[in-house]
Protein backbone atom coordinates (compact mmCIF):
# COMPACT_ATOMS: atom_id res chain seq x y z
CA MET A 1 -72.40 18.14 95.87
CA VAL A 2 -68.73 18.19 94.92
CA THR A 3 -66.84 15.21 93.51
CA LEU A 4 -63.13 15.44 94.25
CA HIS A 5 -60.66 13.91 91.79
CA LEU A 6 -57.23 13.52 93.40
CA LEU A 7 -54.21 13.15 91.12
CA VAL A 8 -50.70 12.45 92.45
CA HIS A 9 -47.87 13.76 90.29
CA PRO A 10 -46.01 10.99 88.43
CA GLU A 11 -42.28 10.21 88.31
CA ALA A 12 -40.07 13.19 89.16
CA THR A 13 -36.34 13.75 88.75
CA HIS A 14 -35.50 13.77 92.46
CA VAL A 15 -36.76 10.19 92.80
CA VAL A 16 -34.59 8.74 90.03
CA GLU A 17 -31.61 10.84 91.18
CA GLY A 18 -31.92 9.62 94.77
CA LEU A 19 -32.53 13.08 96.22
CA VAL A 20 -34.79 14.09 99.08
CA GLY A 21 -37.95 15.71 97.72
CA GLY A 22 -40.34 17.62 99.95
CA TRP A 23 -40.31 21.25 98.82
CA TYR A 24 -37.33 20.69 96.51
CA ASP A 25 -38.65 21.90 93.15
CA ALA A 26 -37.92 18.86 90.99
CA ALA A 27 -39.26 18.48 87.46
CA LEU A 28 -41.06 15.51 85.97
CA THR A 29 -38.86 13.03 84.13
CA ALA A 30 -39.62 12.27 80.47
CA ARG A 31 -41.41 9.16 81.73
CA GLY A 32 -43.27 11.30 84.24
CA GLU A 33 -44.41 13.68 81.50
CA ALA A 34 -45.84 10.72 79.56
CA GLN A 35 -47.51 9.42 82.71
CA ALA A 36 -49.00 12.85 83.38
CA ALA A 37 -50.48 12.91 79.89
CA ALA A 38 -51.94 9.42 80.38
CA ALA A 39 -53.46 10.30 83.76
CA ALA A 40 -54.84 13.57 82.38
CA ALA A 41 -56.43 11.79 79.43
CA ALA A 42 -58.05 9.23 81.74
CA LEU A 43 -59.39 11.96 83.99
CA ALA A 44 -60.72 14.01 81.08
CA THR A 45 -62.44 10.95 79.62
CA ALA A 46 -64.07 10.21 82.98
CA LEU A 47 -65.25 13.82 83.28
CA ALA A 48 -66.49 14.15 79.70
CA PRO A 49 -70.13 13.07 80.35
CA ALA A 50 -70.45 15.49 83.26
CA LEU A 51 -68.98 18.35 81.23
CA GLU A 52 -71.31 17.59 78.34
CA ALA A 53 -74.20 17.79 80.81
CA GLY A 54 -73.12 21.30 81.76
CA GLU A 55 -71.31 20.52 85.00
CA ARG A 56 -68.19 22.54 85.79
CA VAL A 57 -64.72 21.63 86.96
CA ALA A 58 -62.01 23.50 88.87
CA VAL A 59 -58.34 22.47 88.97
CA VAL A 60 -56.10 23.26 91.94
CA SER A 61 -52.50 22.19 92.38
CA SER A 62 -49.46 22.36 94.59
CA ASP A 63 -47.31 25.18 93.26
CA LEU A 64 -44.23 22.96 92.91
CA ARG A 65 -43.16 22.29 89.33
CA ARG A 66 -43.82 18.55 89.23
CA CYS A 67 -47.45 19.12 90.25
CA ARG A 68 -47.86 22.24 88.16
CA ARG A 69 -46.82 20.38 85.01
CA THR A 70 -49.23 17.57 85.86
CA ALA A 71 -52.07 20.06 86.35
CA GLU A 72 -51.25 21.70 83.01
CA ALA A 73 -51.59 18.28 81.37
CA VAL A 74 -55.04 17.97 82.96
CA THR A 75 -56.25 21.32 81.64
CA ALA A 76 -54.89 20.51 78.17
CA ALA A 77 -56.77 17.19 78.18
CA LEU A 78 -59.96 18.87 79.40
CA ALA A 79 -59.68 21.41 76.59
CA CYS A 80 -59.45 18.59 74.05
CA VAL A 81 -62.53 16.86 75.46
CA ALA A 82 -64.72 19.85 76.27
CA GLY A 83 -63.30 22.62 74.11
CA ARG A 84 -62.52 24.65 77.20
CA ALA A 85 -60.62 24.26 80.43
CA PRO A 86 -60.29 26.18 83.70
CA ALA A 87 -57.11 27.92 84.73
CA VAL A 88 -55.00 26.10 87.31
CA ALA A 89 -55.14 27.60 90.80
CA LEU A 90 -51.77 27.12 92.53
CA ASP A 91 -51.70 26.63 96.29
CA ALA A 92 -48.58 26.12 98.43
CA GLY A 93 -50.86 24.58 101.05
CA LEU A 94 -50.97 21.44 98.90
CA ARG A 95 -47.19 20.90 98.95
CA GLU A 96 -45.53 17.73 100.17
CA GLN A 97 -44.17 17.57 103.71
CA SER A 98 -41.09 19.77 104.02
CA TYR A 99 -37.87 17.95 104.86
CA GLY A 100 -35.99 21.15 105.63
CA GLU A 101 -32.24 21.21 105.08
CA ALA A 102 -32.28 17.69 103.59
CA GLU A 103 -34.24 18.74 100.50
CA GLY A 104 -32.36 18.40 97.23
CA HIS A 105 -29.54 16.43 98.88
CA PRO A 106 -28.84 12.70 98.44
CA VAL A 107 -31.03 10.48 100.57
CA GLY A 108 -29.14 9.57 103.76
CA THR A 109 -26.95 12.68 103.81
CA HIS A 110 -28.91 14.14 106.72
CA PRO A 111 -29.74 11.89 109.69
CA TRP A 112 -33.49 11.31 109.85
CA ARG A 113 -35.49 9.79 112.71
CA PRO A 114 -38.94 8.50 111.73
CA PRO A 115 -41.48 8.03 114.54
CA GLY A 116 -41.36 4.67 116.27
CA PRO A 117 -44.40 2.50 117.02
CA GLY A 118 -44.90 4.06 120.47
CA ASP A 119 -44.20 7.67 119.51
CA ASP A 120 -46.65 10.51 119.03
CA ALA A 121 -46.39 10.36 115.23
CA LEU A 122 -48.43 13.51 114.72
CA HIS A 123 -46.05 15.78 116.65
CA HIS A 124 -42.80 13.83 116.22
CA HIS A 125 -39.94 15.83 114.69
CA ASP A 126 -37.50 13.90 112.51
CA GLY A 127 -34.46 15.87 113.66
CA VAL A 128 -33.73 17.60 110.32
CA PRO A 129 -33.55 21.38 110.79
CA GLY A 130 -36.45 23.15 109.10
CA SER A 131 -38.55 20.05 108.48
CA GLU A 132 -42.27 19.87 109.23
CA THR A 133 -44.09 17.62 111.65
CA ARG A 134 -47.06 15.65 110.38
CA ALA A 135 -49.31 17.94 112.44
CA GLN A 136 -48.06 20.92 110.45
CA VAL A 137 -48.59 19.16 107.13
CA VAL A 138 -52.07 17.95 108.06
CA GLY A 139 -53.05 21.41 109.27
CA ARG A 140 -52.13 23.21 106.07
CA VAL A 141 -53.40 20.50 103.67
CA HIS A 142 -56.73 20.25 105.49
CA ALA A 143 -57.08 24.05 105.42
CA ALA A 144 -56.32 24.17 101.68
CA VAL A 145 -58.78 21.40 100.82
CA LYS A 146 -61.57 22.95 102.89
CA ARG A 147 -60.94 26.33 101.28
CA HIS A 148 -61.14 24.95 97.74
CA LEU A 149 -64.13 22.71 98.47
CA ALA A 150 -66.06 25.71 99.77
CA ALA A 151 -65.61 27.51 96.44
CA ALA A 152 -65.70 24.48 94.11
CA PRO A 153 -68.22 23.75 91.36
CA GLU A 154 -69.49 20.21 90.77
CA HIS A 155 -66.01 18.74 90.22
CA LEU A 156 -62.70 19.62 91.87
CA VAL A 157 -59.41 18.21 90.58
CA VAL A 158 -56.63 18.37 93.18
CA VAL A 159 -53.05 17.72 92.03
CA THR A 160 -50.62 17.03 94.84
CA HIS A 161 -47.85 14.76 96.14
CA GLY A 162 -47.86 11.17 97.40
CA GLY A 163 -47.57 12.02 101.09
CA ALA A 164 -49.89 15.02 101.03
CA ALA A 165 -52.51 13.00 99.13
CA THR A 166 -53.37 11.06 102.30
CA TYR A 167 -54.33 14.30 103.99
CA VAL A 168 -56.48 15.39 101.05
CA VAL A 169 -58.47 12.20 101.65
CA THR A 170 -58.64 12.72 105.43
CA ALA A 171 -59.79 16.32 104.88
CA TRP A 172 -62.52 15.09 102.52
CA LEU A 173 -63.66 12.52 105.10
CA GLY A 174 -63.69 15.17 107.82
CA LEU A 175 -61.29 13.29 110.09
CA PRO A 176 -60.02 15.42 112.99
CA LEU A 177 -56.35 16.27 113.29
CA GLU A 178 -55.71 14.06 116.30
CA VAL A 179 -56.63 10.79 114.54
CA VAL A 180 -54.59 11.11 111.34
CA GLY A 181 -51.04 10.82 112.67
CA ARG A 182 -50.79 7.14 111.69
CA VAL A 183 -53.09 7.21 108.66
CA ARG A 184 -51.61 6.33 105.25
CA PHE A 185 -53.50 5.71 102.01
CA ALA A 186 -51.90 3.99 99.02
CA THR A 187 -51.74 6.70 96.36
CA PRO A 188 -48.85 5.84 93.99
CA PRO A 189 -47.26 8.32 91.57
CA GLY A 190 -49.62 9.12 88.70
CA SER A 191 -52.62 7.62 90.49
CA ILE A 192 -56.19 8.91 90.50
CA THR A 193 -58.44 8.76 93.55
CA THR A 194 -62.14 9.58 93.30
CA LEU A 195 -63.97 10.95 96.34
CA ARG A 196 -67.72 11.31 95.92
CA GLU A 197 -70.54 12.56 98.13
CA ASP A 198 -73.73 10.51 98.06
CA PRO A 199 -76.51 12.89 96.95
CA ALA A 200 -79.16 10.94 98.87
CA THR A 201 -77.43 10.53 102.22
CA GLY A 202 -74.57 13.04 102.21
CA ASP A 203 -72.16 10.20 103.01
CA ARG A 204 -68.64 10.79 101.74
CA ARG A 205 -67.23 7.82 99.86
CA VAL A 206 -63.73 6.87 98.80
CA GLU A 207 -65.02 5.50 95.52
CA VAL A 208 -61.68 4.74 93.87
CA LEU A 209 -58.32 4.78 95.65
CA GLY A 210 -54.95 5.05 93.91
CA ASP A 211 -56.03 3.86 90.46
CA VAL A 212 -53.05 3.43 88.10
CA ARG A 213 -54.65 1.35 85.34
CA HIS A 214 -54.24 4.22 82.88
CA LEU A 215 -50.46 4.03 83.31
CA ASP A 216 -50.48 0.46 81.98
CA ALA A 217 -52.68 1.23 78.97
CA PRO A 218 -51.01 0.73 75.57
């Protein structure tokens, strides 16, 4: 039985600079670095009893810098708690939705058409050259999550982006592609979501969603 710990990268430079993110390789801000350390410490503290009992943990992350730095904070915190930490496995399949030619440019520079209430949100294209549809994002994120779950030990930490995080949850729940076009879970920057499988029934539970209490801790 694998417990999945989902961590969304905290504040990044493109957000405060008003730039389109997606695959744009923004760094964490100084505030984001502090938030990453706080989230990592909270996660390591939560995992400490399991690690002391001999359970193992794997850490996988989007390969973009803002997630990579967050994942490095997690492994550093795990090393402090357990005296050892796994290497971070980087996976481009866990990236945020690509916004094509708009990435790295000021928000509003490129015309963007979100899906309307009556549109096929899953296959809608926003009109920006090179951008992904939700179907493309869901397909690659689901594939990445399934791949890592198949090889995971007792605990799997997944570090990703706010938009992609929804599809980590839908992959965990086993929701088919055709039903997730309008699904959105509240997973703020720096938040931790805990997804646990019931050992007695095999039911998959969203135990904690988008927890940010550690960001408010003194």
